[in-house]
Amino acid sequence: MKAGDLRTRTDAELRKELLEMRREEFNLRMQKGIGQLSRPSQVKLLRRDIARLKTVWTERNKT
């Protein structure tokens, strides 16, 4: 996911996307905990996407 794509979305879409990402992050952590995670790098990529989304959200709400 690119920051430019996120900037074109509405606030409601960003909130919904963040909620979905957080759920996915929880699921990946649970899979990691029980040893069923097939791609460990997926956790890192998801965390970066969440940070990117939150950065765009902060930029938008600052002004």
Protein backbone atom coordinates (compact mmCIF):
# COMPACT_ATOMS: atom_id res chain seq x y z
CA MET A 1 0.00 0.00 0.00
CA LYS A 2 1.34 3.40 -0.97
CA ALA A 3 0.88 6.64 0.93
CA GLY A 4 -0.44 8.32 -2.21
CA ASP A 5 -3.25 5.78 -2.40
CA LEU A 6 -4.14 6.46 1.23
CA ARG A 7 -4.23 10.22 0.72
CA THR A 8 -6.99 9.87 -1.87
CA ARG A 9 -9.29 8.03 0.56
CA THR A 10 -11.86 9.60 2.85
CA ASP A 11 -11.59 9.62 6.64
CA ALA A 12 -14.24 6.91 6.96
CA GLU A 13 -12.36 4.67 4.53
CA LEU A 14 -9.12 5.22 6.46
CA ARG A 15 -10.81 4.30 9.75
CA LYS A 16 -12.27 1.16 8.20
CA GLU A 17 -8.92 0.19 6.68
CA LEU A 18 -7.13 0.72 10.01
CA LEU A 19 -9.66 -1.48 11.79
CA GLU A 20 -9.19 -4.24 9.21
CA MET A 21 -5.41 -3.98 9.50
CA ARG A 22 -5.54 -4.20 13.28
CA ARG A 23 -7.69 -7.33 13.07
CA GLU A 24 -5.29 -8.86 10.59
CA GLU A 25 -2.36 -7.96 12.87
CA PHE A 26 -4.10 -9.69 15.78
CA ASN A 27 -4.71 -12.80 13.67
CA LEU A 28 -1.08 -12.91 12.57
CA ARG A 29 0.12 -12.56 16.17
CA MET A 30 -2.11 -15.45 17.21
CA GLN A 31 -0.80 -17.59 14.33
CA LYS A 32 2.75 -16.71 15.32
CA GLY A 33 2.04 -17.66 18.93
CA ILE A 34 0.85 -21.15 18.04
CA GLY A 35 3.47 -21.67 15.35
CA GLN A 36 1.23 -21.64 12.29
CA LEU A 37 2.51 -18.45 10.66
CA SER A 38 3.59 -19.30 7.13
CA ARG A 39 5.25 -15.98 6.23
CA PRO A 40 6.84 -14.20 9.22
CA SER A 41 7.74 -11.21 7.07
CA GLN A 42 4.03 -10.52 6.62
CA VAL A 43 3.87 -9.17 10.20
CA LYS A 44 6.56 -6.61 9.47
CA LEU A 45 4.89 -5.47 6.24
CA LEU A 46 1.53 -5.09 7.96
CA ARG A 47 3.04 -3.06 10.80
CA ARG A 48 4.60 -0.71 8.25
CA ASP A 49 1.29 -0.34 6.43
CA ILE A 50 -0.41 0.55 9.71
CA ALA A 51 2.27 3.15 10.45
CA ARG A 52 1.88 4.59 6.95
CA LEU A 53 -1.88 4.86 7.38
CA LYS A 54 -1.53 6.51 10.78
CA THR A 55 0.99 8.98 9.35
CA VAL A 56 -1.42 10.02 6.61
CA TRP A 57 -4.21 10.29 9.21
CA THR A 58 -2.03 12.56 11.40
CA GLU A 59 -1.01 14.74 8.45
CA ARG A 60 -4.63 15.21 7.52
CA ASN A 61 -5.79 16.08 11.03
CA LYS A 62 -2.96 18.51 11.78
CA THR A 63 -4.22 21.18 9.45
